[in-house]
C-alpha atoms as a PDB file:
ATOM      1  CA  SER A   1     -45.379 -99.721  35.606  1.00  0.00           C
ATOM      2  CA  PRO A   2     -48.763-100.700  34.106  1.00  0.00           C
ATOM      3  CA  SER A   3     -48.345 -98.292  31.192  1.00  0.00           C
ATOM      4  CA  SER A   4     -44.859 -99.442  30.167  1.00  0.00           C
ATOM      5  CA  SER A   5     -44.114-102.008  27.499  1.00  0.00           C
ATOM      6  CA  VAL A   6     -41.212-104.128  26.339  1.00  0.00           C
ATOM      7  CA  GLU A   7     -40.648-105.378  22.800  1.00  0.00           C
ATOM      8  CA  LEU A   8     -38.802-108.663  22.390  1.00  0.00           C
ATOM      9  CA  ARG A   9     -37.858-110.430  19.181  1.00  0.00           C
ATOM     10  CA  TYR A  10     -37.478-114.185  19.044  1.00  0.00           C
ATOM     11  CA  THR A  11     -35.618-116.081  16.357  1.00  0.00           C
ATOM     12  CA  LYS A  12     -36.850-119.598  17.074  1.00  0.00           C
ATOM     13  CA  GLN A  13     -39.962-121.338  18.335  1.00  0.00           C
ATOM     14  CA  GLU A  14     -40.120-122.876  21.798  1.00  0.00           C
ATOM     15  CA  PRO A  15     -40.864-126.571  22.507  1.00  0.00           C
ATOM     16  CA  ILE A  16     -42.957-125.888  25.641  1.00  0.00           C
ATOM     17  CA  PRO A  17     -44.712-122.865  27.161  1.00  0.00           C
ATOM     18  CA  GLY A  18     -42.626-120.469  29.229  1.00  0.00           C
ATOM     19  CA  SER A  19     -43.859-119.125  32.546  1.00  0.00           C
ATOM     20  CA  ILE A  20     -44.663-115.463  33.152  1.00  0.00           C
ATOM     21  CA  ARG A  21     -44.997-114.519  36.833  1.00  0.00           C
ATOM     22  CA  CYS A  22     -45.520-111.489  38.996  1.00  0.00           C
ATOM     23  CA  ASP A  23     -42.902-111.177  41.761  1.00  0.00           C
ATOM     24  CA  VAL A  24     -45.287-109.111  43.896  1.00  0.00           C
ATOM     25  CA  HIS A  25     -48.456-111.210  43.460  1.00  0.00           C
ATOM     26  CA  PRO A  26     -47.498-114.923  43.265  1.00  0.00           C
ATOM     27  CA  TRP A  27     -51.007-115.991  42.184  1.00  0.00           C
ATOM     28  CA  MET A  28     -50.649-113.891  39.033  1.00  0.00           C
ATOM     29  CA  ARG A  29     -49.020-116.085  36.413  1.00  0.00           C
ATOM     30  CA  GLY A  30     -49.471-117.182  32.870  1.00  0.00           C
ATOM     31  CA  TYR A  31     -47.755-119.060  30.087  1.00  0.00           C
ATOM     32  CA  ILE A  32     -46.607-118.074  26.626  1.00  0.00           C
ATOM     33  CA  LEU A  33     -45.810-120.447  23.767  1.00  0.00           C
ATOM     34  CA  LEU A  34     -43.768-119.140  20.851  1.00  0.00           C
ATOM     35  CA  ARG A  35     -44.519-121.039  17.650  1.00  0.00           C
ATOM     36  CA  ASP A  36     -43.971-120.405  13.947  1.00  0.00           C
ATOM     37  CA  ASN A  37     -47.560-121.425  13.168  1.00  0.00           C
ATOM     38  CA  PRO A  38     -51.015-120.623  14.613  1.00  0.00           C
ATOM     39  CA  TYR A  39     -51.934-124.238  15.425  1.00  0.00           C
ATOM     40  CA  MET A  40     -52.108-124.605  19.190  1.00  0.00           C
ATOM     41  CA  ALA A  41     -54.793-124.797  21.841  1.00  0.00           C
ATOM     42  CA  ALA A  42     -55.329-124.695  25.583  1.00  0.00           C
ATOM     43  CA  SER A  43     -57.924-127.017  27.024  1.00  0.00           C
ATOM     44  CA  ASP A  44     -60.994-125.705  28.808  1.00  0.00           C
ATOM     45  CA  ARG A  45     -61.857-126.636  32.394  1.00  0.00           C
ATOM     46  CA  HIS A  46     -63.277-129.950  31.133  1.00  0.00           C
ATOM     47  CA  GLY A  47     -60.109-130.805  29.196  1.00  0.00           C
ATOM     48  CA  ARG A  48     -61.661-130.173  25.772  1.00  0.00           C
ATOM     49  CA  PHE A  49     -59.868-128.243  23.062  1.00  0.00           C
ATOM     50  CA  SER A  50     -60.019-127.601  19.345  1.00  0.00           C
ATOM     51  CA  VAL A  51     -57.468-126.527  16.758  1.00  0.00           C
ATOM     52  CA  LYS A  52     -59.244-124.601  14.026  1.00  0.00           C
ATOM     53  CA  HIS A  53     -58.251-124.523  10.355  1.00  0.00           C
ATOM     54  CA  LEU A  54     -55.660-127.288  10.682  1.00  0.00           C
ATOM     55  CA  PRO A  55     -54.799-128.564   7.186  1.00  0.00           C
ATOM     56  CA  ALA A  56     -55.572-132.205   6.406  1.00  0.00           C
ATOM     57  CA  GLY A  57     -52.605-134.564   6.701  1.00  0.00           C
ATOM     58  CA  GLU A  58     -50.293-136.062   9.281  1.00  0.00           C
ATOM     59  CA  HIS A  59     -49.637-133.818  12.295  1.00  0.00           C
ATOM     60  CA  THR A  60     -47.674-134.283  15.500  1.00  0.00           C
ATOM     61  CA  PHE A  61     -49.304-132.867  18.618  1.00  0.00           C
ATOM     62  CA  GLN A  62     -47.509-132.302  21.903  1.00  0.00           C
ATOM     63  CA  LEU A  63     -49.357-132.711  25.200  1.00  0.00           C
ATOM     64  CA  TRP A  64     -48.113-130.570  28.088  1.00  0.00           C
ATOM     65  CA  HIS A  65     -49.478-129.501  31.484  1.00  0.00           C
ATOM     66  CA  GLU A  66     -48.233-126.699  33.717  1.00  0.00           C
ATOM     67  CA  ARG A  67     -47.851-128.975  36.755  1.00  0.00           C
ATOM     68  CA  SER A  68     -46.742-132.227  35.098  1.00  0.00           C
ATOM     69  CA  GLY A  69     -44.764-131.062  32.080  1.00  0.00           C
ATOM     70  CA  TYR A  70     -44.891-133.462  29.126  1.00  0.00           C
ATOM     71  CA  LEU A  71     -47.861-135.844  29.335  1.00  0.00           C
ATOM     72  CA  ARG A  72     -46.220-139.213  28.643  1.00  0.00           C
ATOM     73  CA  ASN A  73     -47.946-142.475  27.760  1.00  0.00           C
ATOM     74  CA  VAL A  74     -51.352-140.877  27.339  1.00  0.00           C
ATOM     75  CA  GLN A  75     -53.811-142.583  25.011  1.00  0.00           C
ATOM     76  CA  PHE A  76     -54.906-139.903  22.529  1.00  0.00           C
ATOM     77  CA  GLY A  77     -57.273-141.261  19.937  1.00  0.00           C
ATOM     78  CA  SER A  78     -55.718-144.475  18.654  1.00  0.00           C
ATOM     79  CA  GLN A  79     -52.152-143.401  19.501  1.00  0.00           C
ATOM     80  CA  GLN A  80     -50.111-143.080  22.694  1.00  0.00           C
ATOM     81  CA  SER A  81     -47.923-140.079  23.523  1.00  0.00           C
ATOM     82  CA  ASP A  82     -44.155-140.581  23.757  1.00  0.00           C
ATOM     83  CA  ALA A  83     -41.677-139.406  26.428  1.00  0.00           C
ATOM     84  CA  LYS A  84     -41.929-135.801  25.170  1.00  0.00           C
ATOM     85  CA  GLY A  85     -45.744-135.880  25.113  1.00  0.00           C
ATOM     86  CA  ARG A  86     -45.862-136.155  21.307  1.00  0.00           C
ATOM     87  CA  VAL A  87     -48.493-138.062  19.384  1.00  0.00           C
ATOM     88  CA  THR A  88     -48.900-138.204  15.593  1.00  0.00           C
ATOM     89  CA  LEU A  89     -52.402-138.293  14.121  1.00  0.00           C
ATOM     90  CA  ILE A  90     -53.861-138.240  10.629  1.00  0.00           C
ATOM     91  CA  ILE A  91     -56.252-135.313  10.246  1.00  0.00           C
ATOM     92  CA  GLY A  92     -58.875-135.599   7.530  1.00  0.00           C
ATOM     93  CA  GLU A  93     -60.866-132.932   5.708  1.00  0.00           C
ATOM     94  CA  GLY A  94     -63.639-131.332   7.762  1.00  0.00           C
ATOM     95  CA  ALA A  95     -64.305-131.930  11.445  1.00  0.00           C
ATOM     96  CA  ASN A  96     -62.195-134.564  13.222  1.00  0.00           C
ATOM     97  CA  GLU A  97     -62.751-135.828  16.712  1.00  0.00           C
ATOM     98  CA  ALA A  98     -60.454-137.974  18.838  1.00  0.00           C
ATOM     99  CA  SER A  99     -61.992-140.480  21.187  1.00  0.00           C
ATOM    100  CA  VAL A 100     -62.424-139.486  24.810  1.00  0.00           C
ATOM    101  CA  THR A 101     -59.244-139.921  26.809  1.00  0.00           C
ATOM    102  CA  ARG A 102     -59.243-140.089  30.604  1.00  0.00           C
ATOM    103  CA  LEU A 103     -56.059-139.048  32.360  1.00  0.00           C
ATOM    104  CA  ASP A 104     -54.899-140.563  35.625  1.00  0.00           C
ATOM    105  CA  PRO A 105     -55.165-137.900  38.375  1.00  0.00           C
ATOM    106  CA  ALA A 106     -51.692-138.983  39.557  1.00  0.00           C
ATOM    107  CA  LEU A 107     -50.283-137.176  36.488  1.00  0.00           C
ATOM    108  CA  PHE A 108     -51.182-133.887  38.154  1.00  0.00           C
ATOM    109  CA  GLU A 109     -49.975-134.466  41.714  1.00  0.00           C
ATOM    110  CA  ASN A 110     -47.063-132.391  42.969  1.00  0.00           C
ATOM    111  CA  GLU A 111     -43.840-134.336  42.879  1.00  0.00           C
END
């Protein structure tokens, strides 16, 4: 019922978002990503995103899409993502901006 709740405890972080769906209304769905840190982002409708308050240093990002899964071989800044959608970047102090990356629409076609 709408007023009920469930409490779950997780002991480890997840590598990719998990799907949450409504069995009655199939268009109602969402995703949840369990991480042990607050550094994650979802892109807006234009594909832009930001990760606020990320400490300076080397960080590995993982690129994932609900239809395609891991985004492999994507040019992200000066690096290319691996088979698990991971790319490692050096983040400096203050604002950082990766160069614009265009993704092939074929990445998002149903397989």
